[in-house]
Amino acid sequence: MADYSGLSADRIIQEIARFNGNIALVAQAMRCSRQTIYNYIKKHPSIEAALRDERETMIDNVESRLYKAALDGEAWAVCFFLKTQAKHRGYIERAEITGAEGNPIVVKFVTKD
């Protein structure tokens, strides 16, 4: 059986910050399984909060990179940004489903009589 005496909420929180919320790396650094870390997360709201905060920071950082790429004129970033952040202005990609040659779709119901 593994020795988990080195595990503590404070140490896990430090490792979560060190590895930007990557649980696999946290577990590796602490020489235990990911499941052990997940079990600690369930038991300690402070660890859960630290993980949530770290992952929110990750999202913030990537959003900043996306925004910078859009401002730099990267077409993919402009398109993605508008589709996700400017829907209220009509930047929505929709699939239009029609019948043959753009005509209405005809639906026939068949019943057993």
N, C-alpha and C. Protein backbone atom coordinates (compact mmCIF):
# COMPACT_ATOMS: atom_id res chain seq x y z
N MET A 1 0.85 -1.18 0.00
CA MET A 1 0.00 0.00 0.00
C MET A 1 0.88 1.23 0.00
N ALA A 2 0.47 2.26 -0.77
CA ALA A 2 1.27 3.49 -0.89
C ALA A 2 1.17 4.32 0.38
N ASP A 3 2.22 5.10 0.61
CA ASP A 3 2.27 5.98 1.77
C ASP A 3 1.82 7.38 1.35
N TYR A 4 0.69 7.84 1.84
CA TYR A 4 0.16 9.15 1.48
C TYR A 4 0.36 10.17 2.59
N SER A 5 1.33 9.94 3.46
CA SER A 5 1.56 10.85 4.57
C SER A 5 2.00 12.24 4.10
N GLY A 6 2.58 12.33 2.91
CA GLY A 6 3.01 13.63 2.38
C GLY A 6 1.89 14.45 1.78
N LEU A 7 0.70 13.87 1.72
CA LEU A 7 -0.44 14.57 1.15
C LEU A 7 -1.10 15.46 2.20
N SER A 8 -1.41 16.65 1.79
CA SER A 8 -2.19 17.56 2.63
C SER A 8 -2.91 18.50 1.70
N ALA A 9 -3.97 19.08 2.19
CA ALA A 9 -4.73 20.03 1.36
C ALA A 9 -3.83 21.17 0.89
N ASP A 10 -3.03 21.72 1.79
CA ASP A 10 -2.16 22.84 1.43
C ASP A 10 -1.16 22.44 0.35
N ARG A 11 -0.58 21.27 0.48
CA ARG A 11 0.42 20.82 -0.51
C ARG A 11 -0.24 20.56 -1.86
N ILE A 12 -1.42 19.96 -1.85
CA ILE A 12 -2.13 19.71 -3.11
C ILE A 12 -2.47 21.04 -3.78
N ILE A 13 -2.90 22.02 -3.01
CA ILE A 13 -3.21 23.35 -3.56
C ILE A 13 -1.97 23.97 -4.18
N GLN A 14 -0.82 23.84 -3.52
CA GLN A 14 0.43 24.36 -4.09
C GLN A 14 0.75 23.70 -5.43
N GLU A 15 0.57 22.39 -5.48
CA GLU A 15 0.87 21.67 -6.72
C GLU A 15 -0.14 21.99 -7.82
N ILE A 16 -1.38 22.22 -7.46
CA ILE A 16 -2.38 22.62 -8.45
C ILE A 16 -1.96 23.94 -9.08
N ALA A 17 -1.49 24.87 -8.27
CA ALA A 17 -1.01 26.16 -8.80
C ALA A 17 0.24 25.95 -9.66
N ARG A 18 1.14 25.11 -9.18
CA ARG A 18 2.39 24.86 -9.89
C ARG A 18 2.15 24.25 -11.27
N PHE A 19 1.17 23.35 -11.37
CA PHE A 19 0.91 22.65 -12.62
C PHE A 19 -0.35 23.14 -13.34
N ASN A 20 -0.79 24.36 -13.00
CA ASN A 20 -1.91 25.00 -13.69
C ASN A 20 -3.16 24.13 -13.75
N GLY A 21 -3.43 23.40 -12.68
CA GLY A 21 -4.65 22.61 -12.61
C GLY A 21 -4.60 21.26 -13.30
N ASN A 22 -3.43 20.84 -13.76
CA ASN A 22 -3.29 19.54 -14.42
C ASN A 22 -3.17 18.46 -13.34
N ILE A 23 -4.25 17.72 -13.13
CA ILE A 23 -4.31 16.74 -12.05
C ILE A 23 -3.33 15.60 -12.26
N ALA A 24 -3.11 15.19 -13.49
CA ALA A 24 -2.16 14.11 -13.74
C ALA A 24 -0.76 14.51 -13.27
N LEU A 25 -0.35 15.75 -13.55
CA LEU A 25 0.97 16.21 -13.11
C LEU A 25 1.03 16.40 -11.59
N VAL A 26 -0.07 16.85 -11.01
CA VAL A 26 -0.13 16.98 -9.55
C VAL A 26 0.06 15.62 -8.91
N ALA A 27 -0.65 14.62 -9.40
CA ALA A 27 -0.56 13.27 -8.84
C ALA A 27 0.85 12.71 -9.02
N GLN A 28 1.43 12.94 -10.17
CA GLN A 28 2.79 12.45 -10.42
C GLN A 28 3.78 13.09 -9.45
N ALA A 29 3.66 14.39 -9.25
CA ALA A 29 4.56 15.09 -8.34
C ALA A 29 4.39 14.61 -6.91
N MET A 30 3.19 14.21 -6.57
CA MET A 30 2.90 13.78 -5.20
C MET A 30 3.00 12.27 -5.05
N ARG A 31 3.37 11.59 -6.12
CA ARG A 31 3.57 10.13 -6.12
C ARG A 31 2.34 9.37 -5.65
N CYS A 32 1.22 9.73 -6.27
CA CYS A 32 -0.02 9.02 -5.99
C CYS A 32 -0.83 8.99 -7.27
N SER A 33 -1.98 8.39 -7.22
CA SER A 33 -2.83 8.30 -8.40
C SER A 33 -3.68 9.57 -8.55
N ARG A 34 -4.17 9.76 -9.76
CA ARG A 34 -5.10 10.88 -9.97
C ARG A 34 -6.34 10.68 -9.12
N GLN A 35 -6.79 9.43 -8.99
CA GLN A 35 -7.98 9.16 -8.18
C GLN A 35 -7.78 9.61 -6.74
N THR A 36 -6.58 9.43 -6.21
CA THR A 36 -6.30 9.89 -4.84
C THR A 36 -6.47 11.40 -4.75
N ILE A 37 -5.97 12.11 -5.74
CA ILE A 37 -6.13 13.58 -5.75
C ILE A 37 -7.61 13.93 -5.87
N TYR A 38 -8.33 13.26 -6.76
CA TYR A 38 -9.77 13.53 -6.89
C TYR A 38 -10.50 13.24 -5.58
N ASN A 39 -10.09 12.20 -4.86
CA ASN A 39 -10.72 11.91 -3.57
C ASN A 39 -10.48 13.04 -2.58
N TYR A 40 -9.26 13.58 -2.57
CA TYR A 40 -8.96 14.72 -1.69
C TYR A 40 -9.78 15.94 -2.10
N ILE A 41 -9.94 16.14 -3.40
CA ILE A 41 -10.73 17.27 -3.89
C ILE A 41 -12.16 17.18 -3.38
N LYS A 42 -12.74 15.98 -3.41
CA LYS A 42 -14.11 15.77 -2.94
C LYS A 42 -14.24 16.06 -1.44
N LYS A 43 -13.19 15.74 -0.68
CA LYS A 43 -13.25 15.89 0.78
C LYS A 43 -12.91 17.30 1.25
N HIS A 44 -12.20 18.07 0.42
CA HIS A 44 -11.71 19.39 0.85
C HIS A 44 -12.19 20.49 -0.10
N PRO A 45 -13.21 21.24 0.30
CA PRO A 45 -13.70 22.33 -0.55
C PRO A 45 -12.61 23.35 -0.93
N SER A 46 -11.60 23.51 -0.08
CA SER A 46 -10.54 24.47 -0.40
C SER A 46 -9.73 24.00 -1.61
N ILE A 47 -9.54 22.70 -1.75
CA ILE A 47 -8.82 22.17 -2.92
C ILE A 47 -9.69 22.32 -4.15
N GLU A 48 -10.95 22.02 -4.02
CA GLU A 48 -11.88 22.16 -5.14
C GLU A 48 -11.91 23.61 -5.63
N ALA A 49 -11.95 24.56 -4.71
CA ALA A 49 -11.95 25.98 -5.07
C ALA A 49 -10.65 26.37 -5.77
N ALA A 50 -9.52 25.87 -5.27
CA ALA A 50 -8.23 26.18 -5.88
C ALA A 50 -8.16 25.65 -7.31
N LEU A 51 -8.66 24.44 -7.51
CA LEU A 51 -8.67 23.85 -8.85
C LEU A 51 -9.57 24.64 -9.78
N ARG A 52 -10.74 25.00 -9.30
CA ARG A 52 -11.69 25.80 -10.11
C ARG A 52 -11.06 27.14 -10.48
N ASP A 53 -10.42 27.80 -9.52
CA ASP A 53 -9.78 29.10 -9.78
C ASP A 53 -8.64 28.96 -10.79
N GLU A 54 -7.85 27.91 -10.66
CA GLU A 54 -6.73 27.70 -11.58
C GLU A 54 -7.24 27.46 -13.00
N ARG A 55 -8.29 26.69 -13.12
CA ARG A 55 -8.84 26.42 -14.45
C ARG A 55 -9.51 27.66 -15.04
N GLU A 56 -10.10 28.49 -14.22
CA GLU A 56 -10.65 29.76 -14.71
C GLU A 56 -9.52 30.67 -15.21
N THR A 57 -8.41 30.66 -14.52
CA THR A 57 -7.24 31.44 -14.95
C THR A 57 -6.75 30.93 -16.30
N MET A 58 -6.73 29.61 -16.49
CA MET A 58 -6.34 29.05 -17.78
C MET A 58 -7.24 29.58 -18.88
N ILE A 59 -8.54 29.58 -18.65
CA ILE A 59 -9.50 30.06 -19.65
C ILE A 59 -9.26 31.54 -19.92
N ASP A 60 -9.06 32.32 -18.86
CA ASP A 60 -8.78 33.75 -19.04
C ASP A 60 -7.55 33.97 -19.91
N ASN A 61 -6.49 33.21 -19.66
CA ASN A 61 -5.26 33.36 -20.43
C ASN A 61 -5.46 33.03 -21.90
N VAL A 62 -6.19 31.95 -22.17
CA VAL A 62 -6.44 31.56 -23.56
C VAL A 62 -7.36 32.56 -24.24
N GLU A 63 -8.36 33.05 -23.52
CA GLU A 63 -9.23 34.09 -24.09
C GLU A 63 -8.42 35.32 -24.47
N SER A 64 -7.46 35.67 -23.65
CA SER A 64 -6.62 36.82 -23.96
C SER A 64 -5.81 36.59 -25.23
N ARG A 65 -5.30 35.37 -25.39
CA ARG A 65 -4.53 35.03 -26.60
C ARG A 65 -5.43 35.05 -27.83
N LEU A 66 -6.65 34.54 -27.68
CA LEU A 66 -7.60 34.57 -28.79
C LEU A 66 -7.91 36.01 -29.18
N TYR A 67 -8.16 36.85 -28.20
CA TYR A 67 -8.47 38.26 -28.47
C TYR A 67 -7.30 38.95 -29.15
N LYS A 68 -6.09 38.68 -28.69
CA LYS A 68 -4.91 39.27 -29.32
C LYS A 68 -4.78 38.82 -30.76
N ALA A 69 -5.01 37.51 -31.01
CA ALA A 69 -4.93 37.00 -32.38
C ALA A 69 -5.99 37.66 -33.26
N ALA A 70 -7.18 37.88 -32.72
CA ALA A 70 -8.23 38.55 -33.49
C ALA A 70 -7.82 39.99 -33.80
N LEU A 71 -7.28 40.70 -32.81
CA LEU A 71 -6.83 42.07 -33.04
C LEU A 71 -5.67 42.14 -34.02
N ASP A 72 -4.86 41.08 -34.07
CA ASP A 72 -3.74 41.02 -35.00
C ASP A 72 -4.19 40.66 -36.41
N GLY A 73 -5.49 40.43 -36.58
CA GLY A 73 -6.04 40.16 -37.91
C GLY A 73 -6.03 38.70 -38.33
N GLU A 74 -5.79 37.79 -37.41
CA GLU A 74 -5.83 36.37 -37.74
C GLU A 74 -7.28 36.01 -38.07
N ALA A 75 -7.53 35.67 -39.32
CA ALA A 75 -8.91 35.44 -39.79
C ALA A 75 -9.64 34.38 -38.97
N TRP A 76 -8.97 33.29 -38.65
CA TRP A 76 -9.61 32.22 -37.88
C TRP A 76 -10.06 32.73 -36.52
N ALA A 77 -9.23 33.60 -35.92
CA ALA A 77 -9.54 34.12 -34.59
C ALA A 77 -10.69 35.12 -34.66
N VAL A 78 -10.67 35.97 -35.68
CA VAL A 78 -11.76 36.93 -35.86
C VAL A 78 -13.08 36.19 -36.03
N CYS A 79 -13.08 35.18 -36.90
CA CYS A 79 -14.28 34.39 -37.17
C CYS A 79 -14.77 33.70 -35.90
N PHE A 80 -13.88 33.01 -35.22
CA PHE A 80 -14.27 32.29 -34.01
C PHE A 80 -14.78 33.25 -32.94
N PHE A 81 -14.07 34.36 -32.76
CA PHE A 81 -14.46 35.33 -31.75
C PHE A 81 -15.87 35.85 -32.03
N LEU A 82 -16.12 36.25 -33.26
CA LEU A 82 -17.43 36.80 -33.59
C LEU A 82 -18.54 35.76 -33.44
N LYS A 83 -18.28 34.53 -33.85
CA LYS A 83 -19.29 33.48 -33.73
C LYS A 83 -19.63 33.16 -32.28
N THR A 84 -18.67 33.34 -31.38
CA THR A 84 -18.92 32.98 -29.99
C THR A 84 -19.26 34.17 -29.10
N GLN A 85 -18.77 35.36 -29.46
CA GLN A 85 -18.96 36.52 -28.59
C GLN A 85 -19.89 37.59 -29.16
N ALA A 86 -20.27 37.47 -30.43
CA ALA A 86 -21.10 38.51 -31.04
C ALA A 86 -22.37 37.94 -31.66
N LYS A 87 -22.88 36.88 -31.08
CA LYS A 87 -24.12 36.29 -31.59
C LYS A 87 -25.25 37.31 -31.58
N HIS A 88 -25.27 38.15 -30.55
CA HIS A 88 -26.33 39.14 -30.40
C HIS A 88 -26.31 40.18 -31.53
N ARG A 89 -25.23 40.21 -32.31
CA ARG A 89 -25.14 41.12 -33.46
C ARG A 89 -25.35 40.40 -34.78
N GLY A 90 -25.72 39.14 -34.72
CA GLY A 90 -26.03 38.39 -35.93
C GLY A 90 -24.92 37.51 -36.45
N TYR A 91 -23.80 37.43 -35.74
CA TYR A 91 -22.70 36.56 -36.17
C TYR A 91 -22.97 35.14 -35.68
N ILE A 92 -23.89 34.50 -36.37
CA ILE A 92 -24.28 33.15 -35.99
C ILE A 92 -24.19 32.27 -37.23
N GLU A 93 -23.56 31.14 -37.08
CA GLU A 93 -23.48 30.20 -38.18
C GLU A 93 -24.60 29.20 -37.99
N ARG A 94 -25.46 29.14 -38.98
CA ARG A 94 -26.59 28.23 -38.91
C ARG A 94 -26.64 27.39 -40.17
N ALA A 95 -27.12 26.22 -40.02
CA ALA A 95 -27.37 25.36 -41.18
C ALA A 95 -28.83 25.53 -41.57
N GLU A 96 -29.07 25.81 -42.84
CA GLU A 96 -30.43 25.95 -43.31
C GLU A 96 -30.80 24.66 -44.02
N ILE A 97 -31.87 24.05 -43.61
CA ILE A 97 -32.29 22.79 -44.18
C ILE A 97 -33.51 23.04 -45.06
N THR A 98 -33.38 22.65 -46.32
CA THR A 98 -34.48 22.84 -47.26
C THR A 98 -34.68 21.56 -48.05
N GLY A 99 -35.73 21.56 -48.79
CA GLY A 99 -35.98 20.44 -49.70
C GLY A 99 -35.13 20.62 -50.94
N ALA A 100 -35.43 19.83 -51.96
CA ALA A 100 -34.68 19.88 -53.21
C ALA A 100 -34.73 21.28 -53.82
N GLU A 101 -33.58 21.76 -54.25
CA GLU A 101 -33.43 23.06 -54.92
C GLU A 101 -33.99 24.22 -54.10
N GLY A 102 -33.89 24.13 -52.79
CA GLY A 102 -34.31 25.22 -51.91
C GLY A 102 -35.78 25.27 -51.60
N ASN A 103 -36.52 24.34 -52.10
CA ASN A 103 -37.96 24.31 -51.85
C ASN A 103 -38.23 23.81 -50.44
N PRO A 104 -39.46 24.01 -49.96
CA PRO A 104 -39.80 23.52 -48.62
C PRO A 104 -39.66 22.01 -48.54
N ILE A 105 -39.45 21.55 -47.34
CA ILE A 105 -39.37 20.12 -47.08
C ILE A 105 -40.80 19.58 -47.02
N VAL A 106 -41.00 18.51 -47.74
CA VAL A 106 -42.32 17.87 -47.74
C VAL A 106 -42.27 16.68 -46.79
N VAL A 107 -43.20 16.64 -45.85
CA VAL A 107 -43.27 15.55 -44.90
C VAL A 107 -44.56 14.78 -45.14
N LYS A 108 -44.42 13.48 -45.33
CA LYS A 108 -45.59 12.63 -45.54
C LYS A 108 -45.70 11.69 -44.36
N PHE A 109 -46.88 11.62 -43.77
CA PHE A 109 -47.15 10.69 -42.70
C PHE A 109 -47.94 9.52 -43.26
N VAL A 110 -47.48 8.36 -43.00
CA VAL A 110 -48.17 7.16 -43.46
C VAL A 110 -48.68 6.42 -42.23
N THR A 111 -49.95 6.10 -42.23
CA THR A 111 -50.53 5.37 -41.12
C THR A 111 -51.04 4.04 -41.63
N LYS A 112 -51.12 3.08 -40.74
CA LYS A 112 -51.69 1.77 -41.10
C LYS A 112 -53.19 1.82 -40.83
N ASP A 113 -53.98 1.57 -41.88
CA ASP A 113 -55.44 1.53 -41.72
C ASP A 113 -55.99 0.21 -42.10
